Amino acid sequence: MRVTLDEWCKLEGYSFARLGALIGVSEETARRYCLPETDAHARFPDRCTLRVIYQKTEGKVTPNDFVGVGPSATPAPDGE
């Protein structure tokens, strides 16, 4: 099962502080990684952090989950 980082945190009971410690970023950066990409305050993890997130979530959160493409993404409506 693949999920967004925010969904994974909720499922696993992780706070933003705990997530940040797990992946090596600040609490605020972890919070911003969990925001929807349409939010003006959202941040996109760099390549190294994406790899760490993938490893620490045992593959449940993938780089594709941050950009809404690939096998774990919800299909786009027709015409997009």
PDB file of N, CA and C in Angstrom:
ATOM      1  N   MET A   1       0.842  -1.183   0.000  1.00  0.00           N
ATOM      2  CA  MET A   1       0.000   0.000   0.000  1.00  0.00           C
ATOM      3  C   MET A   1       0.884   1.243   0.000  1.00  0.00           C
ATOM      4  N   ARG A   2       0.667   2.131  -0.955  1.00  0.00           N
ATOM      5  CA  ARG A   2       1.410   3.392  -1.011  1.00  0.00           C
ATOM      6  C   ARG A   2       0.494   4.529  -0.600  1.00  0.00           C
ATOM      7  N   VAL A   3       1.054   5.490   0.089  1.00  0.00           N
ATOM      8  CA  VAL A   3       0.289   6.616   0.619  1.00  0.00           C
ATOM      9  C   VAL A   3       1.123   7.891   0.528  1.00  0.00           C
ATOM     10  N   THR A   4       0.484   9.033   0.767  1.00  0.00           N
ATOM     11  CA  THR A   4       1.249  10.279   0.844  1.00  0.00           C
ATOM     12  C   THR A   4       2.017  10.285   2.169  1.00  0.00           C
ATOM     13  N   LEU A   5       2.985  11.176   2.265  1.00  0.00           N
ATOM     14  CA  LEU A   5       3.762  11.263   3.501  1.00  0.00           C
ATOM     15  C   LEU A   5       2.872  11.657   4.670  1.00  0.00           C
ATOM     16  N   ASP A   6       1.934  12.579   4.446  1.00  0.00           N
ATOM     17  CA  ASP A   6       1.016  12.991   5.505  1.00  0.00           C
ATOM     18  C   ASP A   6       0.149  11.803   5.948  1.00  0.00           C
ATOM     19  N   GLU A   7      -0.368  11.051   5.010  1.00  0.00           N
ATOM     20  CA  GLU A   7      -1.180   9.866   5.347  1.00  0.00           C
ATOM     21  C   GLU A   7      -0.352   8.848   6.127  1.00  0.00           C
ATOM     22  N   TRP A   8       0.886   8.641   5.706  1.00  0.00           N
ATOM     23  CA  TRP A   8       1.763   7.686   6.391  1.00  0.00           C
ATOM     24  C   TRP A   8       1.995   8.115   7.839  1.00  0.00           C
ATOM     25  N   CYS A   9       2.244   9.410   8.040  1.00  0.00           N
ATOM     26  CA  CYS A   9       2.457   9.925   9.405  1.00  0.00           C
ATOM     27  C   CYS A   9       1.238   9.655  10.277  1.00  0.00           C
ATOM     28  N   LYS A  10       0.072   9.905   9.746  1.00  0.00           N
ATOM     29  CA  LYS A  10      -1.160   9.674  10.512  1.00  0.00           C
ATOM     30  C   LYS A  10      -1.346   8.191  10.814  1.00  0.00           C
ATOM     31  N   LEU A  11      -1.100   7.338   9.832  1.00  0.00           N
ATOM     32  CA  LEU A  11      -1.240   5.888  10.033  1.00  0.00           C
ATOM     33  C   LEU A  11      -0.256   5.352  11.071  1.00  0.00           C
ATOM     34  N   GLU A  12       0.957   5.895  11.062  1.00  0.00           N
ATOM     35  CA  GLU A  12       2.019   5.411  11.952  1.00  0.00           C
ATOM     36  C   GLU A  12       2.099   6.172  13.271  1.00  0.00           C
ATOM     37  N   GLY A  13       1.296   7.228  13.414  1.00  0.00           N
ATOM     38  CA  GLY A  13       1.305   8.007  14.644  1.00  0.00           C
ATOM     39  C   GLY A  13       2.520   8.900  14.795  1.00  0.00           C
ATOM     40  N   TYR A  14       3.053   9.397  13.683  1.00  0.00           N
ATOM     41  CA  TYR A  14       4.234  10.268  13.712  1.00  0.00           C
ATOM     42  C   TYR A  14       3.828  11.728  13.764  1.00  0.00           C
ATOM     43  N   SER A  15       4.433  12.478  14.652  1.00  0.00           N
ATOM     44  CA  SER A  15       4.298  13.936  14.652  1.00  0.00           C
ATOM     45  C   SER A  15       5.283  14.478  13.618  1.00  0.00           C
ATOM     46  N   PHE A  16       5.165  15.762  13.291  1.00  0.00           N
ATOM     47  CA  PHE A  16       6.121  16.363  12.364  1.00  0.00           C
ATOM     48  C   PHE A  16       7.526  16.372  12.963  1.00  0.00           C
ATOM     49  N   ALA A  17       7.608  16.559  14.278  1.00  0.00           N
ATOM     50  CA  ALA A  17       8.917  16.531  14.941  1.00  0.00           C
ATOM     51  C   ALA A  17       9.556  15.150  14.819  1.00  0.00           C
ATOM     52  N   ARG A  18       8.776  14.124  15.045  1.00  0.00           N
ATOM     53  CA  ARG A  18       9.299  12.752  14.961  1.00  0.00           C
ATOM     54  C   ARG A  18       9.661  12.406  13.520  1.00  0.00           C
ATOM     55  N   LEU A  19       8.832  12.821  12.562  1.00  0.00           N
ATOM     56  CA  LEU A  19       9.143  12.597  11.157  1.00  0.00           C
ATOM     57  C   LEU A  19      10.449  13.293  10.785  1.00  0.00           C
ATOM     58  N   GLY A  20      10.578  14.561  11.205  1.00  0.00           N
ATOM     59  CA  GLY A  20      11.799  15.299  10.911  1.00  0.00           C
ATOM     60  C   GLY A  20      13.037  14.601  11.438  1.00  0.00           C
ATOM     61  N   ALA A  21      12.953  14.105  12.663  1.00  0.00           N
ATOM     62  CA  ALA A  21      14.093  13.386  13.244  1.00  0.00           C
ATOM     63  C   ALA A  21      14.388  12.109  12.450  1.00  0.00           C
ATOM     64  N   LEU A  22      13.351  11.442  11.991  1.00  0.00           N
ATOM     65  CA  LEU A  22      13.514  10.200  11.239  1.00  0.00           C
ATOM     66  C   LEU A  22      14.218  10.424   9.905  1.00  0.00           C
ATOM     67  N   ILE A  23      13.868  11.519   9.222  1.00  0.00           N
ATOM     68  CA  ILE A  23      14.415  11.734   7.883  1.00  0.00           C
ATOM     69  C   ILE A  23      15.507  12.802   7.833  1.00  0.00           C
ATOM     70  N   GLY A  24      15.850  13.380   8.980  1.00  0.00           N
ATOM     71  CA  GLY A  24      16.984  14.300   9.051  1.00  0.00           C
ATOM     72  C   GLY A  24      16.696  15.728   8.630  1.00  0.00           C
ATOM     73  N   VAL A  25      15.465  16.201   8.907  1.00  0.00           N
ATOM     74  CA  VAL A  25      15.111  17.592   8.603  1.00  0.00           C
ATOM     75  C   VAL A  25      14.439  18.203   9.826  1.00  0.00           C
ATOM     76  N   SER A  26      14.213  19.507   9.792  1.00  0.00           N
ATOM     77  CA  SER A  26      13.541  20.171  10.909  1.00  0.00           C
ATOM     78  C   SER A  26      12.062  19.797  10.942  1.00  0.00           C
ATOM     79  N   GLU A  27      11.436  20.066  12.076  1.00  0.00           N
ATOM     80  CA  GLU A  27      10.001  19.832  12.219  1.00  0.00           C
ATOM     81  C   GLU A  27       9.210  20.633  11.186  1.00  0.00           C
ATOM     82  N   GLU A  28       9.595  21.886  10.975  1.00  0.00           N
ATOM     83  CA  GLU A  28       8.887  22.734  10.017  1.00  0.00           C
ATOM     84  C   GLU A  28       9.034  22.218   8.592  1.00  0.00           C
ATOM     85  N   THR A  29      10.221  21.762   8.248  1.00  0.00           N
ATOM     86  CA  THR A  29      10.418  21.208   6.904  1.00  0.00           C
ATOM     87  C   THR A  29       9.583  19.945   6.725  1.00  0.00           C
ATOM     88  N   ALA A  30       9.551  19.096   7.733  1.00  0.00           N
ATOM     89  CA  ALA A  30       8.728  17.887   7.669  1.00  0.00           C
ATOM     90  C   ALA A  30       7.253  18.261   7.481  1.00  0.00           C
ATOM     91  N   ARG A  31       6.797  19.264   8.205  1.00  0.00           N
ATOM     92  CA  ARG A  31       5.405  19.713   8.063  1.00  0.00           C
ATOM     93  C   ARG A  31       5.130  20.172   6.637  1.00  0.00           C
ATOM     94  N   ARG A  32       6.047  20.908   6.067  1.00  0.00           N
ATOM     95  CA  ARG A  32       5.871  21.418   4.709  1.00  0.00           C
ATOM     96  C   ARG A  32       5.892  20.298   3.674  1.00  0.00           C
ATOM     97  N   TYR A  33       6.674  19.249   3.928  1.00  0.00           N
ATOM     98  CA  TYR A  33       6.665  18.091   3.026  1.00  0.00           C
ATOM     99  C   TYR A  33       5.308  17.401   3.032  1.00  0.00           C
ATOM    100  N   CYS A  34       4.562  17.530   4.111  1.00  0.00           N
ATOM    101  CA  CYS A  34       3.263  16.868   4.239  1.00  0.00           C
ATOM    102  C   CYS A  34       2.107  17.681   3.672  1.00  0.00           C
ATOM    103  N   LEU A  35       2.358  18.923   3.332  1.00  0.00           N
ATOM    104  CA  LEU A  35       1.296  19.759   2.770  1.00  0.00           C
ATOM    105  C   LEU A  35       0.995  19.343   1.333  1.00  0.00           C
ATOM    106  N   PRO A  36      -0.240  19.565   0.872  1.00  0.00           N
ATOM    107  CA  PRO A  36      -0.546  19.281  -0.535  1.00  0.00           C
ATOM    108  C   PRO A  36       0.282  20.186  -1.440  1.00  0.00           C
ATOM    109  N   GLU A  37       0.649  19.687  -2.617  1.00  0.00           N
ATOM    110  CA  GLU A  37       1.522  20.467  -3.502  1.00  0.00           C
ATOM    111  C   GLU A  37       0.892  21.785  -3.936  1.00  0.00           C
ATOM    112  N   THR A  38      -0.425  21.910  -3.806  1.00  0.00           N
ATOM    113  CA  THR A  38      -1.109  23.154  -4.174  1.00  0.00           C
ATOM    114  C   THR A  38      -0.989  24.225  -3.093  1.00  0.00           C
ATOM    115  N   ASP A  39      -0.532  23.863  -1.911  1.00  0.00           N
ATOM    116  CA  ASP A  39      -0.360  24.819  -0.817  1.00  0.00           C
ATOM    117  C   ASP A  39       0.891  25.662  -1.078  1.00  0.00           C
ATOM    118  N   ALA A  40       0.774  26.960  -0.923  1.00  0.00           N
ATOM    119  CA  ALA A  40       1.894  27.873  -1.179  1.00  0.00           C
ATOM    120  C   ALA A  40       3.094  27.612  -0.268  1.00  0.00           C
ATOM    121  N   HIS A  41       2.885  26.970   0.882  1.00  0.00           N
ATOM    122  CA  HIS A  41       3.972  26.707   1.823  1.00  0.00           C
ATOM    123  C   HIS A  41       4.582  25.317   1.669  1.00  0.00           C
ATOM    124  N   ALA A  42       4.044  24.526   0.750  1.00  0.00           N
ATOM    125  CA  ALA A  42       4.556  23.172   0.547  1.00  0.00           C
ATOM    126  C   ALA A  42       5.993  23.212   0.038  1.00  0.00           C
ATOM    127  N   ARG A  43       6.758  22.197   0.434  1.00  0.00           N
ATOM    128  CA  ARG A  43       8.130  22.052  -0.054  1.00  0.00           C
ATOM    129  C   ARG A  43       8.269  20.690  -0.684  1.00  0.00           C
ATOM    130  N   PHE A  44       9.112  20.602  -1.691  1.00  0.00           N
ATOM    131  CA  PHE A  44       9.400  19.335  -2.356  1.00  0.00           C
ATOM    132  C   PHE A  44      10.774  18.863  -1.882  1.00  0.00           C
ATOM    133  N   PRO A  45      10.860  17.621  -1.375  1.00  0.00           N
ATOM    134  CA  PRO A  45      12.150  17.121  -0.888  1.00  0.00           C
ATOM    135  C   PRO A  45      13.186  17.000  -2.014  1.00  0.00           C
ATOM    136  N   ASP A  46      14.450  17.196  -1.658  1.00  0.00           N
ATOM    137  CA  ASP A  46      15.510  16.986  -2.637  1.00  0.00           C
ATOM    138  C   ASP A  46      15.694  15.486  -2.869  1.00  0.00           C
ATOM    139  N   ARG A  47      16.495  15.144  -3.853  1.00  0.00           N
ATOM    140  CA  ARG A  47      16.689  13.748  -4.256  1.00  0.00           C
ATOM    141  C   ARG A  47      17.148  12.863  -3.094  1.00  0.00           C
ATOM    142  N   CYS A  48      18.085  13.337  -2.318  1.00  0.00           N
ATOM    143  CA  CYS A  48      18.604  12.557  -1.185  1.00  0.00           C
ATOM    144  C   CYS A  48      17.502  12.310  -0.155  1.00  0.00           C
ATOM    145  N   THR A  49      16.730  13.347   0.154  1.00  0.00           N
ATOM    146  CA  THR A  49      15.653  13.214   1.135  1.00  0.00           C
ATOM    147  C   THR A  49      14.545  12.304   0.610  1.00  0.00           C
ATOM    148  N   LEU A  50      14.249  12.381  -0.677  1.00  0.00           N
ATOM    149  CA  LEU A  50      13.263  11.464  -1.262  1.00  0.00           C
ATOM    150  C   LEU A  50      13.677  10.011  -1.053  1.00  0.00           C
ATOM    151  N   ARG A  51      14.957   9.751  -1.232  1.00  0.00           N
ATOM    152  CA  ARG A  51      15.475   8.393  -1.040  1.00  0.00           C
ATOM    153  C   ARG A  51      15.331   7.962   0.428  1.00  0.00           C
ATOM    154  N   VAL A  52      15.644   8.864   1.350  1.00  0.00           N
ATOM    155  CA  VAL A  52      15.519   8.565   2.779  1.00  0.00           C
ATOM    156  C   VAL A  52      14.058   8.300   3.138  1.00  0.00           C
ATOM    157  N   ILE A  53      13.150   9.126   2.642  1.00  0.00           N
ATOM    158  CA  ILE A  53      11.724   8.935   2.913  1.00  0.00           C
ATOM    159  C   ILE A  53      11.273   7.572   2.402  1.00  0.00           C
ATOM    160  N   TYR A  54      11.666   7.227   1.191  1.00  0.00           N
ATOM    161  CA  TYR A  54      11.309   5.932   0.609  1.00  0.00           C
ATOM    162  C   TYR A  54      11.823   4.789   1.489  1.00  0.00           C
ATOM    163  N   GLN A  55      13.072   4.890   1.928  1.00  0.00           N
ATOM    164  CA  GLN A  55      13.668   3.833   2.751  1.00  0.00           C
ATOM    165  C   GLN A  55      13.016   3.754   4.131  1.00  0.00           C
ATOM    166  N   LYS A  56      12.836   4.884   4.785  1.00  0.00           N
ATOM    167  CA  LYS A  56      12.304   4.887   6.158  1.00  0.00           C
ATOM    168  C   LYS A  56      10.827   4.498   6.218  1.00  0.00           C
ATOM    169  N   THR A  57      10.091   4.703   5.117  1.00  0.00           N
ATOM    170  CA  THR A  57       8.680   4.301   5.087  1.00  0.00           C
ATOM    171  C   THR A  57       8.514   2.911   4.466  1.00  0.00           C
ATOM    172  N   GLU A  58       9.629   2.237   4.257  1.00  0.00           N
ATOM    173  CA  GLU A  58       9.645   0.885   3.675  1.00  0.00           C
ATOM    174  C   GLU A  58       8.918   0.847   2.336  1.00  0.00           C
ATOM    175  N   GLY A  59       9.130   1.897   1.528  1.00  0.00           N
ATOM    176  CA  GLY A  59       8.572   1.950   0.188  1.00  0.00           C
ATOM    177  C   GLY A  59       7.107   2.350   0.105  1.00  0.00           C
ATOM    178  N   LYS A  60       6.522   2.683   1.234  1.00  0.00           N
ATOM    179  CA  LYS A  60       5.099   3.068   1.223  1.00  0.00           C
ATOM    180  C   LYS A  60       4.893   4.481   0.693  1.00  0.00           C
ATOM    181  N   VAL A  61       5.889   5.343   0.846  1.00  0.00           N
ATOM    182  CA  VAL A  61       5.847   6.699   0.281  1.00  0.00           C
ATOM    183  C   VAL A  61       6.954   6.768  -0.763  1.00  0.00           C
ATOM    184  N   THR A  62       6.567   7.041  -2.003  1.00  0.00           N
ATOM    185  CA  THR A  62       7.524   7.082  -3.107  1.00  0.00           C
ATOM    186  C   THR A  62       7.689   8.508  -3.624  1.00  0.00           C
ATOM    187  N   PRO A  63       8.734   8.780  -4.409  1.00  0.00           N
ATOM    188  CA  PRO A  63       8.852  10.095  -5.037  1.00  0.00           C
ATOM    189  C   PRO A  63       7.616  10.443  -5.869  1.00  0.00           C
ATOM    190  N   ASN A  64       7.012   9.458  -6.515  1.00  0.00           N
ATOM    191  CA  ASN A  64       5.806   9.706  -7.309  1.00  0.00           C
ATOM    192  C   ASN A  64       4.673  10.278  -6.460  1.00  0.00           C
ATOM    193  N   ASP A  65       4.628   9.906  -5.192  1.00  0.00           N
ATOM    194  CA  ASP A  65       3.563  10.379  -4.318  1.00  0.00           C
ATOM    195  C   ASP A  65       3.630  11.889  -4.070  1.00  0.00           C
ATOM    196  N   PHE A  66       4.780  12.482  -4.330  1.00  0.00           N
ATOM    197  CA  PHE A  66       4.927  13.934  -4.148  1.00  0.00           C
ATOM    198  C   PHE A  66       4.490  14.729  -5.366  1.00  0.00           C
ATOM    199  N   VAL A  67       4.465  14.090  -6.524  1.00  0.00           N
ATOM    200  CA  VAL A  67       4.147  14.824  -7.746  1.00  0.00           C
ATOM    201  C   VAL A  67       2.858  14.356  -8.406  1.00  0.00           C
ATOM    202  N   GLY A  68       2.224  13.351  -7.857  1.00  0.00           N
ATOM    203  CA  GLY A  68       0.939  12.912  -8.382  1.00  0.00           C
ATOM    204  C   GLY A  68       1.000  12.186  -9.704  1.00  0.00           C
ATOM    205  N   VAL A  69       2.105  11.472  -9.961  1.00  0.00           N
ATOM    206  CA  VAL A  69       2.210  10.646 -11.164  1.00  0.00           C
ATOM    207  C   VAL A  69       2.660   9.241 -10.779  1.00  0.00           C
ATOM    208  N   GLY A  70       2.477   8.329 -11.687  1.00  0.00           N
ATOM    209  CA  GLY A  70       2.948   6.959 -11.458  1.00  0.00           C
ATOM    210  C   GLY A  70       1.874   6.069 -10.866  1.00  0.00           C
ATOM    211  N   PRO A  71       2.279   4.847 -10.561  1.00  0.00           N
ATOM    212  CA  PRO A  71       1.317   3.831 -10.159  1.00  0.00           C
ATOM    213  C   PRO A  71       0.571   4.103  -8.864  1.00  0.00           C
ATOM    214  N   SER A  72       1.102   4.926  -7.990  1.00  0.00           N
ATOM    215  CA  SER A  72       0.435   5.151  -6.716  1.00  0.00           C
ATOM    216  C   SER A  72      -0.465   6.385  -6.729  1.00  0.00           C
ATOM    217  N   ALA A  73      -0.497   7.085  -7.855  1.00  0.00           N
ATOM    218  CA  ALA A  73      -1.265   8.323  -7.931  1.00  0.00           C
ATOM    219  C   ALA A  73      -2.704   8.048  -8.368  1.00  0.00           C
ATOM    220  N   THR A  74      -3.596   8.927  -7.968  1.00  0.00           N
ATOM    221  CA  THR A  74      -4.976   8.872  -8.429  1.00  0.00           C
ATOM    222  C   THR A  74      -4.994   9.312  -9.892  1.00  0.00           C
ATOM    223  N   PRO A  75      -5.680   8.578 -10.764  1.00  0.00           N
ATOM    224  CA  PRO A  75      -5.709   8.973 -12.181  1.00  0.00           C
ATOM    225  C   PRO A  75      -6.289  10.380 -12.359  1.00  0.00           C
ATOM    226  N   ALA A  76      -5.730  11.111 -13.284  1.00  0.00           N
ATOM    227  CA  ALA A  76      -6.201  12.465 -13.588  1.00  0.00           C
ATOM    228  C   ALA A  76      -7.537  12.383 -14.319  1.00  0.00           C
ATOM    229  N   PRO A  77      -8.402  13.360 -14.114  1.00  0.00           N
ATOM    230  CA  PRO A  77      -9.668  13.381 -14.859  1.00  0.00           C
ATOM    231  C   PRO A  77      -9.401  13.479 -16.353  1.00  0.00           C
ATOM    232  N   ASP A  78     -10.337  13.003 -17.175  1.00  0.00           N
ATOM    233  CA  ASP A  78     -10.197  13.085 -18.631  1.00  0.00           C
ATOM    234  C   ASP A  78      -9.978  14.527 -19.062  1.00  0.00           C
ATOM    235  N   GLY A  79      -9.126  14.689 -20.046  1.00  0.00           N
ATOM    236  CA  GLY A  79      -8.894  16.020 -20.588  1.00  0.00           C
ATOM    237  C   GLY A  79      -7.741  16.755 -19.946  1.00  0.00           C
ATOM    238  N   GLU A  80      -7.067  16.154 -18.989  1.00  0.00           N
ATOM    239  CA  GLU A  80      -5.913  16.844 -18.368  1.00  0.00           C
ATOM    240  C   GLU A  80      -4.635  16.207 -18.833  1.00  0.00           C
TER     241      GLU A  80
END
